[in-house]
Amino acid sequence: MATKQIKQVLSGASPHMVGDGFRVSNYIPGPANIAQQTNPFIMLDYNMPYNFPPSDYRRGVGEHPHRGFETVSIAYEGQIEHRDSSGGGGVISADDVQWMTAASGLMHDEFQSQAFAEKGGIQHFIQIWVNLPAKDKMSPPKYQAITNENISVYKIDDKGSVNRIIAGNFKGIQGAASTFTPIEMYDLRMVAGAEVSFDIPASNNTMILVTKGSFTINDEQKAGHKDFVLFKHEGETIKLKADEDSYAMVLSGEPINEPIVSYGPFVMNTKEEIVQAIDDFNAGKFGSIQ
């Protein structure tokens, strides 16, 4: 197959606080406003390693609504606790993933765990928003707690290099997450000198965020920590070589070719649906966290 061509290498926005518990850089839509090129991934915040001091209270984001999409939180370090009005929730620690489908609407909050707050430490994670097709936007909310032991692993070499397959299918190994549209989500962790090649449909929107170290992509392009690589719709094969011990998050998905109208925590297809979401929220139809 032909090599998947690189379109550009981008950086995220300057870090900012979300609530008082998450110090993130936004990559999607990001400074270059690339959301049209990354659908079905409509938001990506990267909390690069940041040391929080001990605290006598839990930092985070209080109760707020969502409708029309999914949130995916991937933890490298630290502990995050999620609760929502549909009954979903739990604590994710290093190497865990939580996949929350807001769909027809719910309330949720996100805080550092009590144990993490008391001790302090490094927090390192990604949060991604995944769009839903119109036919599924009003489906019932659900929650997938994908712990480290439930994540499928492909062994790249005998030195510790692996691909943790969160969603999709990698060389015949199926990822743990249930998705509404075709999505590939890989957490690659490779030792210095390791190499891996894989194929992605040419028509997919495909991107890589380097979350540690440095890679050489397709034998030509260097990408270091915090770089975000966006690919063209040309070719299928991506080759990665780790220049040092390195991590990369690979995201690829079949575009949802439908209108997107968003307003804060609501992502729908029309302005009328946004107005309805606001009305439903004000009427208490999203429930409350118990």
C-alpha atoms as a PDB file:
ATOM      1  CA  MET A   1       0.000   0.000   0.000  1.00  0.00           C
ATOM      2  CA  ALA A   2       1.044   3.619  -0.512  1.00  0.00           C
ATOM      3  CA  THR A   3       2.437   5.753   2.301  1.00  0.00           C
ATOM      4  CA  LYS A   4      -0.112   7.948   4.071  1.00  0.00           C
ATOM      5  CA  GLN A   5       1.073  11.486   3.385  1.00  0.00           C
ATOM      6  CA  ILE A   6       1.570  14.073   6.136  1.00  0.00           C
ATOM      7  CA  LYS A   7      -0.391  17.306   5.695  1.00  0.00           C
ATOM      8  CA  GLN A   8       1.101  19.378   8.534  1.00  0.00           C
ATOM      9  CA  VAL A   9       2.594  19.279  12.009  1.00  0.00           C
ATOM     10  CA  LEU A  10       0.847  21.558  14.490  1.00  0.00           C
ATOM     11  CA  SER A  11       1.191  22.739  18.072  1.00  0.00           C
ATOM     12  CA  GLY A  12      -1.588  23.187  20.589  1.00  0.00           C
ATOM     13  CA  ALA A  13      -2.749  26.430  22.147  1.00  0.00           C
ATOM     14  CA  SER A  14      -0.994  27.870  25.183  1.00  0.00           C
ATOM     15  CA  PRO A  15      -2.018  25.981  28.347  1.00  0.00           C
ATOM     16  CA  HIS A  16      -5.061  27.203  30.276  1.00  0.00           C
ATOM     17  CA  MET A  17      -7.005  25.932  33.263  1.00  0.00           C
ATOM     18  CA  VAL A  18     -10.311  24.104  32.919  1.00  0.00           C
ATOM     19  CA  GLY A  19     -11.917  24.524  36.312  1.00  0.00           C
ATOM     20  CA  ASP A  20      -9.122  24.471  38.854  1.00  0.00           C
ATOM     21  CA  GLY A  21      -7.966  20.890  38.234  1.00  0.00           C
ATOM     22  CA  PHE A  22      -6.944  20.517  34.604  1.00  0.00           C
ATOM     23  CA  ARG A  23      -4.145  22.434  32.873  1.00  0.00           C
ATOM     24  CA  VAL A  24      -4.672  21.762  29.184  1.00  0.00           C
ATOM     25  CA  SER A  25      -3.601  22.788  25.706  1.00  0.00           C
ATOM     26  CA  ASN A  26      -6.312  22.631  23.061  1.00  0.00           C
ATOM     27  CA  TYR A  27      -5.399  20.878  19.791  1.00  0.00           C
ATOM     28  CA  ILE A  28      -8.854  20.396  18.261  1.00  0.00           C
ATOM     29  CA  PRO A  29     -10.106  22.795  17.055  1.00  0.00           C
ATOM     30  CA  GLY A  30      -6.866  24.427  18.258  1.00  0.00           C
ATOM     31  CA  PRO A  31      -5.202  27.640  17.035  1.00  0.00           C
ATOM     32  CA  ALA A  32      -5.485  26.469  13.420  1.00  0.00           C
ATOM     33  CA  ASN A  33      -9.233  25.721  13.769  1.00  0.00           C
ATOM     34  CA  ILE A  34      -8.901  22.255  12.227  1.00  0.00           C
ATOM     35  CA  ALA A  35     -12.155  20.667  13.461  1.00  0.00           C
ATOM     36  CA  GLN A  36     -13.468  20.208   9.910  1.00  0.00           C
ATOM     37  CA  GLN A  37     -10.373  18.108   9.151  1.00  0.00           C
ATOM     38  CA  THR A  38     -10.557  15.915  12.267  1.00  0.00           C
ATOM     39  CA  ASN A  39     -14.241  14.893  12.419  1.00  0.00           C
ATOM     40  CA  PRO A  40     -15.475  12.678  14.130  1.00  0.00           C
ATOM     41  CA  PHE A  41     -12.994  14.005  16.726  1.00  0.00           C
ATOM     42  CA  ILE A  42     -14.351  17.470  17.493  1.00  0.00           C
ATOM     43  CA  MET A  43     -12.279  18.442  20.531  1.00  0.00           C
ATOM     44  CA  LEU A  44      -8.932  17.383  21.965  1.00  0.00           C
ATOM     45  CA  ASP A  45      -7.409  18.802  25.147  1.00  0.00           C
ATOM     46  CA  TYR A  46      -3.983  17.604  26.227  1.00  0.00           C
ATOM     47  CA  ASN A  47      -3.021  17.913  29.909  1.00  0.00           C
ATOM     48  CA  MET A  48       0.735  17.533  29.509  1.00  0.00           C
ATOM     49  CA  PRO A  49       2.605  16.414  32.663  1.00  0.00           C
ATOM     50  CA  TYR A  50       1.887  18.942  35.412  1.00  0.00           C
ATOM     51  CA  ASN A  51       2.707  18.709  39.103  1.00  0.00           C
ATOM     52  CA  PHE A  52      -0.174  19.580  41.444  1.00  0.00           C
ATOM     53  CA  PRO A  53       0.764  20.180  45.099  1.00  0.00           C
ATOM     54  CA  PRO A  54      -1.141  18.390  47.897  1.00  0.00           C
ATOM     55  CA  SER A  55      -4.530  19.893  48.668  1.00  0.00           C
ATOM     56  CA  ASP A  56      -7.220  19.542  51.320  1.00  0.00           C
ATOM     57  CA  TYR A  57      -9.900  19.658  48.599  1.00  0.00           C
ATOM     58  CA  ARG A  58     -10.404  17.999  45.216  1.00  0.00           C
ATOM     59  CA  ARG A  59      -9.658  20.165  42.197  1.00  0.00           C
ATOM     60  CA  GLY A  60     -11.724  19.764  39.045  1.00  0.00           C
ATOM     61  CA  VAL A  61     -14.872  20.810  37.203  1.00  0.00           C
ATOM     62  CA  GLY A  62     -18.285  20.846  38.872  1.00  0.00           C
ATOM     63  CA  GLU A  63     -21.618  19.594  37.582  1.00  0.00           C
ATOM     64  CA  HIS A  64     -22.356  20.569  33.973  1.00  0.00           C
ATOM     65  CA  PRO A  65     -24.412  19.230  31.020  1.00  0.00           C
ATOM     66  CA  HIS A  66     -23.556  17.535  27.708  1.00  0.00           C
ATOM     67  CA  ARG A  67     -25.628  16.387  24.728  1.00  0.00           C
ATOM     68  CA  GLY A  68     -24.899  14.984  21.271  1.00  0.00           C
ATOM     69  CA  PHE A  69     -21.415  13.496  21.594  1.00  0.00           C
ATOM     70  CA  GLU A  70     -19.037  11.341  23.662  1.00  0.00           C
ATOM     71  CA  THR A  71     -16.114  12.219  25.929  1.00  0.00           C
ATOM     72  CA  VAL A  72     -13.058   9.976  26.150  1.00  0.00           C
ATOM     73  CA  SER A  73     -10.513  10.508  28.947  1.00  0.00           C
ATOM     74  CA  ILE A  74      -7.167   8.683  28.752  1.00  0.00           C
ATOM     75  CA  ALA A  75      -4.917   8.749  31.812  1.00  0.00           C
ATOM     76  CA  TYR A  76      -1.125   8.448  31.765  1.00  0.00           C
ATOM     77  CA  GLU A  77      -0.536   9.686  35.326  1.00  0.00           C
ATOM     78  CA  GLY A  78      -2.783  10.891  38.148  1.00  0.00           C
ATOM     79  CA  GLN A  79      -6.338   9.956  39.121  1.00  0.00           C
ATOM     80  CA  ILE A  80      -9.601  11.408  37.833  1.00  0.00           C
ATOM     81  CA  GLU A  81     -13.061  10.691  39.232  1.00  0.00           C
ATOM     82  CA  HIS A  82     -16.165  10.955  37.048  1.00  0.00           C
ATOM     83  CA  ARG A  83     -19.841  10.915  38.071  1.00  0.00           C
ATOM     84  CA  ASP A  84     -22.920  11.459  35.914  1.00  0.00           C
ATOM     85  CA  SER A  85     -26.695  11.629  36.179  1.00  0.00           C
ATOM     86  CA  SER A  86     -27.200   8.373  34.255  1.00  0.00           C
ATOM     87  CA  GLY A  87     -25.476   6.437  37.043  1.00  0.00           C
ATOM     88  CA  GLY A  88     -22.102   6.109  35.343  1.00  0.00           C
ATOM     89  CA  GLY A  89     -18.879   6.880  37.103  1.00  0.00           C
ATOM     90  CA  GLY A  90     -15.653   5.754  38.655  1.00  0.00           C
ATOM     91  CA  VAL A  91     -12.008   6.588  39.211  1.00  0.00           C
ATOM     92  CA  ILE A  92      -9.467   6.167  36.440  1.00  0.00           C
ATOM     93  CA  SER A  93      -5.780   5.849  37.254  1.00  0.00           C
ATOM     94  CA  ALA A  94      -2.668   5.564  35.098  1.00  0.00           C
ATOM     95  CA  ASP A  95      -3.328   3.561  31.885  1.00  0.00           C
ATOM     96  CA  ASP A  96      -7.138   3.546  32.329  1.00  0.00           C
ATOM     97  CA  VAL A  97      -9.746   5.030  29.976  1.00  0.00           C
ATOM     98  CA  GLN A  98     -13.282   6.291  30.585  1.00  0.00           C
ATOM     99  CA  TRP A  99     -15.654   6.575  27.627  1.00  0.00           C
ATOM    100  CA  MET A 100     -18.812   8.521  28.398  1.00  0.00           C
ATOM    101  CA  THR A 101     -21.625   8.701  25.860  1.00  0.00           C
ATOM    102  CA  ALA A 102     -23.654  11.815  26.664  1.00  0.00           C
ATOM    103  CA  ALA A 103     -25.983  11.319  23.654  1.00  0.00           C
ATOM    104  CA  SER A 104     -29.497  12.532  24.639  1.00  0.00           C
ATOM    105  CA  GLY A 105     -28.097  14.389  27.621  1.00  0.00           C
ATOM    106  CA  LEU A 106     -26.756  14.104  31.124  1.00  0.00           C
ATOM    107  CA  MET A 107     -25.074  16.031  33.895  1.00  0.00           C
ATOM    108  CA  HIS A 108     -21.577  15.105  34.998  1.00  0.00           C
ATOM    109  CA  ASP A 109     -18.608  16.298  36.999  1.00  0.00           C
ATOM    110  CA  GLU A 110     -14.886  15.534  36.939  1.00  0.00           C
ATOM    111  CA  PHE A 111     -12.513  15.917  39.868  1.00  0.00           C
ATOM    112  CA  GLN A 112      -9.140  14.661  40.941  1.00  0.00           C
ATOM    113  CA  SER A 113      -9.604  11.723  43.295  1.00  0.00           C
ATOM    114  CA  GLN A 114      -9.435  12.317  47.040  1.00  0.00           C
ATOM    115  CA  ALA A 115      -6.266  10.204  47.276  1.00  0.00           C
ATOM    116  CA  PHE A 116      -4.561  12.180  44.520  1.00  0.00           C
ATOM    117  CA  ALA A 117      -5.618  15.528  46.019  1.00  0.00           C
ATOM    118  CA  GLU A 118      -4.182  14.622  49.418  1.00  0.00           C
ATOM    119  CA  LYS A 119      -0.827  13.471  48.041  1.00  0.00           C
ATOM    120  CA  GLY A 120      -0.504  15.691  44.980  1.00  0.00           C
ATOM    121  CA  GLY A 121       1.644  14.604  42.062  1.00  0.00           C
ATOM    122  CA  ILE A 122       1.931  14.530  38.298  1.00  0.00           C
ATOM    123  CA  GLN A 123      -1.251  14.675  36.243  1.00  0.00           C
ATOM    124  CA  HIS A 124      -0.963  13.663  32.574  1.00  0.00           C
ATOM    125  CA  PHE A 125      -3.967  12.841  30.418  1.00  0.00           C
ATOM    126  CA  ILE A 126      -5.931  13.473  27.218  1.00  0.00           C
ATOM    127  CA  GLN A 127      -9.615  14.258  26.794  1.00  0.00           C
ATOM    128  CA  ILE A 128     -11.257  13.812  23.394  1.00  0.00           C
ATOM    129  CA  TRP A 129     -14.785  14.650  22.263  1.00  0.00           C
ATOM    130  CA  VAL A 130     -16.186  12.258  19.647  1.00  0.00           C
ATOM    131  CA  ASN A 131     -19.133  13.385  17.537  1.00  0.00           C
ATOM    132  CA  LEU A 132     -22.216  11.194  17.123  1.00  0.00           C
ATOM    133  CA  PRO A 133     -24.187  10.792  13.884  1.00  0.00           C
ATOM    134  CA  ALA A 134     -27.602  12.455  13.825  1.00  0.00           C
ATOM    135  CA  LYS A 135     -29.435   9.149  14.198  1.00  0.00           C
ATOM    136  CA  ASP A 136     -27.639   8.443  17.497  1.00  0.00           C
ATOM    137  CA  LYS A 137     -27.503  11.887  19.116  1.00  0.00           C
ATOM    138  CA  MET A 138     -30.647  11.235  21.161  1.00  0.00           C
ATOM    139  CA  SER A 139     -29.816   7.649  22.131  1.00  0.00           C
ATOM    140  CA  PRO A 140     -29.593   6.775  25.852  1.00  0.00           C
ATOM    141  CA  PRO A 141     -26.429   7.837  27.695  1.00  0.00           C
ATOM    142  CA  LYS A 142     -23.955   5.129  28.668  1.00  0.00           C
ATOM    143  CA  TYR A 143     -20.581   4.768  30.354  1.00  0.00           C
ATOM    144  CA  GLN A 144     -17.661   2.473  29.540  1.00  0.00           C
ATOM    145  CA  ALA A 145     -15.004   2.028  32.221  1.00  0.00           C
ATOM    146  CA  ILE A 146     -12.047   0.613  30.301  1.00  0.00           C
ATOM    147  CA  THR A 147      -9.394  -0.304  32.840  1.00  0.00           C
ATOM    148  CA  ASN A 148      -5.815  -1.137  31.943  1.00  0.00           C
ATOM    149  CA  GLU A 149      -6.314  -4.897  32.271  1.00  0.00           C
ATOM    150  CA  ASN A 150      -9.205  -4.765  29.771  1.00  0.00           C
ATOM    151  CA  ILE A 151      -7.280  -2.949  27.037  1.00  0.00           C
ATOM    152  CA  SER A 152      -6.142  -5.196  24.186  1.00  0.00           C
ATOM    153  CA  VAL A 153      -2.385  -5.157  23.607  1.00  0.00           C
ATOM    154  CA  TYR A 154      -0.371  -5.850  20.463  1.00  0.00           C
ATOM    155  CA  LYS A 155       3.269  -6.729  21.174  1.00  0.00           C
ATOM    156  CA  ILE A 156       5.512  -4.785  18.799  1.00  0.00           C
ATOM    157  CA  ASP A 157       8.818  -6.296  19.958  1.00  0.00           C
ATOM    158  CA  ASP A 158      10.414  -8.225  22.822  1.00  0.00           C
ATOM    159  CA  LYS A 159      11.810  -5.089  24.470  1.00  0.00           C
ATOM    160  CA  GLY A 160       8.549  -3.708  25.834  1.00  0.00           C
ATOM    161  CA  SER A 161       7.113  -1.845  22.841  1.00  0.00           C
ATOM    162  CA  VAL A 162       3.337  -2.259  22.629  1.00  0.00           C
ATOM    163  CA  ASN A 163       0.215  -0.846  21.048  1.00  0.00           C
ATOM    164  CA  ARG A 164      -2.679  -0.510  23.499  1.00  0.00           C
ATOM    165  CA  ILE A 165      -5.779  -0.707  21.299  1.00  0.00           C
ATOM    166  CA  ILE A 166      -8.503   1.415  22.868  1.00  0.00           C
ATOM    167  CA  ALA A 167     -10.841   1.295  19.853  1.00  0.00           C
ATOM    168  CA  GLY A 168     -10.817  -0.188  16.391  1.00  0.00           C
ATOM    169  CA  ASN A 169      -8.810  -3.101  15.065  1.00  0.00           C
ATOM    170  CA  PHE A 170      -5.024  -3.329  14.868  1.00  0.00           C
ATOM    171  CA  LYS A 171      -3.545  -6.246  12.912  1.00  0.00           C
ATOM    172  CA  GLY A 172      -6.526  -8.424  13.815  1.00  0.00           C
ATOM    173  CA  ILE A 173      -6.761  -7.417  17.476  1.00  0.00           C
ATOM    174  CA  GLN A 174     -10.018  -5.682  18.449  1.00  0.00           C
ATOM    175  CA  GLY A 175     -10.057  -2.720  20.815  1.00  0.00           C
ATOM    176  CA  ALA A 176     -12.125  -2.648  24.000  1.00  0.00           C
ATOM    177  CA  ALA A 177     -14.384   0.345  23.298  1.00  0.00           C
ATOM    178  CA  SER A 178     -17.779   0.146  21.644  1.00  0.00           C
ATOM    179  CA  THR A 179     -18.172   2.965  19.091  1.00  0.00           C
ATOM    180  CA  PHE A 180     -21.029   4.337  16.987  1.00  0.00           C
ATOM    181  CA  THR A 181     -18.928   4.941  13.860  1.00  0.00           C
ATOM    182  CA  PRO A 182     -15.629   3.377  12.658  1.00  0.00           C
ATOM    183  CA  ILE A 183     -12.845   4.732  14.903  1.00  0.00           C
ATOM    184  CA  GLU A 184      -9.232   3.711  15.457  1.00  0.00           C
ATOM    185  CA  MET A 185      -7.679   4.836  18.764  1.00  0.00           C
ATOM    186  CA  TYR A 186      -4.206   3.489  19.562  1.00  0.00           C
ATOM    187  CA  ASP A 187      -1.939   4.235  22.524  1.00  0.00           C
ATOM    188  CA  LEU A 188       1.537   3.377  21.180  1.00  0.00           C
ATOM    189  CA  ARG A 189       4.360   2.987  23.711  1.00  0.00           C
ATOM    190  CA  MET A 190       7.700   2.229  22.099  1.00  0.00           C
ATOM    191  CA  VAL A 191      11.283   1.885  23.288  1.00  0.00           C
ATOM    192  CA  ALA A 192      14.128   3.683  21.529  1.00  0.00           C
ATOM    193  CA  GLY A 193      14.766   2.242  18.078  1.00  0.00           C
ATOM    194  CA  ALA A 194      11.473   0.330  17.848  1.00  0.00           C
ATOM    195  CA  GLU A 195       9.545   0.456  14.572  1.00  0.00           C
ATOM    196  CA  VAL A 196       5.969  -0.294  13.600  1.00  0.00           C
ATOM    197  CA  SER A 197       3.890   0.078  10.431  1.00  0.00           C
ATOM    198  CA  PHE A 198       0.112  -0.079  10.102  1.00  0.00           C
ATOM    199  CA  ASP A 199      -2.606   0.705   7.579  1.00  0.00           C
ATOM    200  CA  ILE A 200      -5.434   3.224   7.885  1.00  0.00           C
ATOM    201  CA  PRO A 201      -8.155   3.796   5.232  1.00  0.00           C
ATOM    202  CA  ALA A 202      -7.155   6.652   2.933  1.00  0.00           C
ATOM    203  CA  SER A 203     -10.562   8.304   3.404  1.00  0.00           C
ATOM    204  CA  ASN A 204     -10.251   8.480   7.219  1.00  0.00           C
ATOM    205  CA  ASN A 205      -9.348  11.654   9.059  1.00  0.00           C
ATOM    206  CA  THR A 206      -6.114  10.628  10.777  1.00  0.00           C
ATOM    207  CA  MET A 207      -3.832  12.326  13.315  1.00  0.00           C
ATOM    208  CA  ILE A 208      -1.101  11.554  15.843  1.00  0.00           C
ATOM    209  CA  LEU A 209      -0.314  13.371  19.106  1.00  0.00           C
ATOM    210  CA  VAL A 210       3.144  12.675  20.528  1.00  0.00           C
ATOM    211  CA  THR A 211       2.742  12.441  24.304  1.00  0.00           C
ATOM    212  CA  LYS A 212       6.332  11.516  25.173  1.00  0.00           C
ATOM    213  CA  GLY A 213       9.690  11.452  23.427  1.00  0.00           C
ATOM    214  CA  SER A 214      10.138  11.724  19.662  1.00  0.00           C
ATOM    215  CA  PHE A 215       9.302   9.765  16.512  1.00  0.00           C
ATOM    216  CA  THR A 216      10.390   9.671  12.903  1.00  0.00           C
ATOM    217  CA  ILE A 217       7.278   9.281  10.741  1.00  0.00           C
ATOM    218  CA  ASN A 218       7.432   7.622   7.316  1.00  0.00           C
ATOM    219  CA  ASP A 219      11.270   7.740   7.421  1.00  0.00           C
ATOM    220  CA  GLU A 220      11.274  11.521   6.920  1.00  0.00           C
ATOM    221  CA  GLN A 221       9.288  13.673   9.363  1.00  0.00           C
ATOM    222  CA  LYS A 222      10.418  14.226  12.954  1.00  0.00           C
ATOM    223  CA  ALA A 223       7.695  14.792  15.576  1.00  0.00           C
ATOM    224  CA  GLY A 224       8.511  15.456  19.217  1.00  0.00           C
ATOM    225  CA  HIS A 225       6.554  15.707  22.460  1.00  0.00           C
ATOM    226  CA  LYS A 226       3.442  17.898  22.067  1.00  0.00           C
ATOM    227  CA  ASP A 227       3.548  17.810  18.249  1.00  0.00           C
ATOM    228  CA  PHE A 228       0.269  17.012  16.487  1.00  0.00           C
ATOM    229  CA  VAL A 229       0.573  15.388  13.066  1.00  0.00           C
ATOM    230  CA  LEU A 230      -2.336  15.682  10.634  1.00  0.00           C
ATOM    231  CA  PHE A 231      -2.427  13.377   7.585  1.00  0.00           C
ATOM    232  CA  LYS A 232      -3.807  13.856   4.084  1.00  0.00           C
ATOM    233  CA  HIS A 233      -6.421  11.610   2.485  1.00  0.00           C
ATOM    234  CA  GLU A 234      -3.629  10.057   0.419  1.00  0.00           C
ATOM    235  CA  GLY A 235      -2.167   6.614   1.022  1.00  0.00           C
ATOM    236  CA  GLU A 236      -2.830   4.100   3.775  1.00  0.00           C
ATOM    237  CA  THR A 237       0.452   3.050   5.463  1.00  0.00           C
ATOM    238  CA  ILE A 238       2.004   4.891   8.395  1.00  0.00           C
ATOM    239  CA  LYS A 239       5.469   3.947   9.657  1.00  0.00           C
ATOM    240  CA  LEU A 240       6.742   5.080  13.051  1.00  0.00           C
ATOM    241  CA  LYS A 241      10.229   4.780  14.507  1.00  0.00           C
ATOM    242  CA  ALA A 242      10.868   5.782  18.124  1.00  0.00           C
ATOM    243  CA  ASP A 243      13.939   8.040  18.338  1.00  0.00           C
ATOM    244  CA  GLU A 244      13.914   7.519  22.116  1.00  0.00           C
ATOM    245  CA  ASP A 245      11.476   5.917  24.567  1.00  0.00           C
ATOM    246  CA  SER A 246       8.279   7.467  23.229  1.00  0.00           C
ATOM    247  CA  TYR A 247       4.456   7.480  23.375  1.00  0.00           C
ATOM    248  CA  ALA A 248       1.972   8.442  20.647  1.00  0.00           C
ATOM    249  CA  MET A 249      -1.823   8.632  20.533  1.00  0.00           C
ATOM    250  CA  VAL A 250      -3.120   7.664  17.084  1.00  0.00           C
ATOM    251  CA  LEU A 251      -6.641   8.815  16.202  1.00  0.00           C
ATOM    252  CA  SER A 252      -8.403   7.916  12.975  1.00  0.00           C
ATOM    253  CA  GLY A 253     -12.050   7.888  12.049  1.00  0.00           C
ATOM    254  CA  GLU A 254     -14.532   7.769   9.242  1.00  0.00           C
ATOM    255  CA  PRO A 255     -15.835  11.345   8.818  1.00  0.00           C
ATOM    256  CA  ILE A 256     -19.444  12.029   9.763  1.00  0.00           C
ATOM    257  CA  ASN A 257     -20.523  14.154   6.819  1.00  0.00           C
ATOM    258  CA  GLU A 258     -23.371  15.997   8.530  1.00  0.00           C
ATOM    259  CA  PRO A 259     -23.827  19.604   9.664  1.00  0.00           C
ATOM    260  CA  ILE A 260     -22.420  20.461  13.091  1.00  0.00           C
ATOM    261  CA  VAL A 261     -23.904  23.181  15.266  1.00  0.00           C
ATOM    262  CA  SER A 262     -22.323  23.537  18.684  1.00  0.00           C
ATOM    263  CA  TYR A 263     -22.975  25.739  21.670  1.00  0.00           C
ATOM    264  CA  GLY A 264     -20.781  25.144  24.700  1.00  0.00           C
ATOM    265  CA  PRO A 265     -21.507  21.627  25.995  1.00  0.00           C
ATOM    266  CA  PHE A 266     -24.051  20.815  23.256  1.00  0.00           C
ATOM    267  CA  VAL A 267     -23.115  19.468  19.796  1.00  0.00           C
ATOM    268  CA  MET A 268     -26.050  18.934  17.462  1.00  0.00           C
ATOM    269  CA  ASN A 269     -26.970  19.283  13.767  1.00  0.00           C
ATOM    270  CA  THR A 270     -29.255  22.339  13.751  1.00  0.00           C
ATOM    271  CA  LYS A 271     -29.787  25.572  15.678  1.00  0.00           C
ATOM    272  CA  GLU A 272     -33.267  24.348  16.592  1.00  0.00           C
ATOM    273  CA  GLU A 273     -31.757  21.282  18.278  1.00  0.00           C
ATOM    274  CA  ILE A 274     -29.406  23.526  20.258  1.00  0.00           C
ATOM    275  CA  VAL A 275     -32.334  25.633  21.438  1.00  0.00           C
ATOM    276  CA  GLN A 276     -34.155  22.440  22.450  1.00  0.00           C
ATOM    277  CA  ALA A 277     -31.086  21.244  24.368  1.00  0.00           C
ATOM    278  CA  ILE A 278     -30.952  24.516  26.302  1.00  0.00           C
ATOM    279  CA  ASP A 279     -34.682  24.334  27.032  1.00  0.00           C
ATOM    280  CA  ASP A 280     -34.385  20.717  28.201  1.00  0.00           C
ATOM    281  CA  PHE A 281     -31.434  21.578  30.435  1.00  0.00           C
ATOM    282  CA  ASN A 282     -33.298  24.521  31.985  1.00  0.00           C
ATOM    283  CA  ALA A 283     -36.311  22.268  32.550  1.00  0.00           C
ATOM    284  CA  GLY A 284     -34.160  19.778  34.506  1.00  0.00           C
ATOM    285  CA  LYS A 285     -34.528  16.998  31.942  1.00  0.00           C
ATOM    286  CA  PHE A 286     -30.840  16.074  32.118  1.00  0.00           C
ATOM    287  CA  GLY A 287     -31.280  14.843  35.672  1.00  0.00           C
ATOM    288  CA  SER A 288     -28.860  15.402  38.529  1.00  0.00           C
ATOM    289  CA  ILE A 289     -25.907  13.604  40.060  1.00  0.00           C
ATOM    290  CA  GLN A 290     -26.904  11.585  43.085  1.00  0.00           C
END
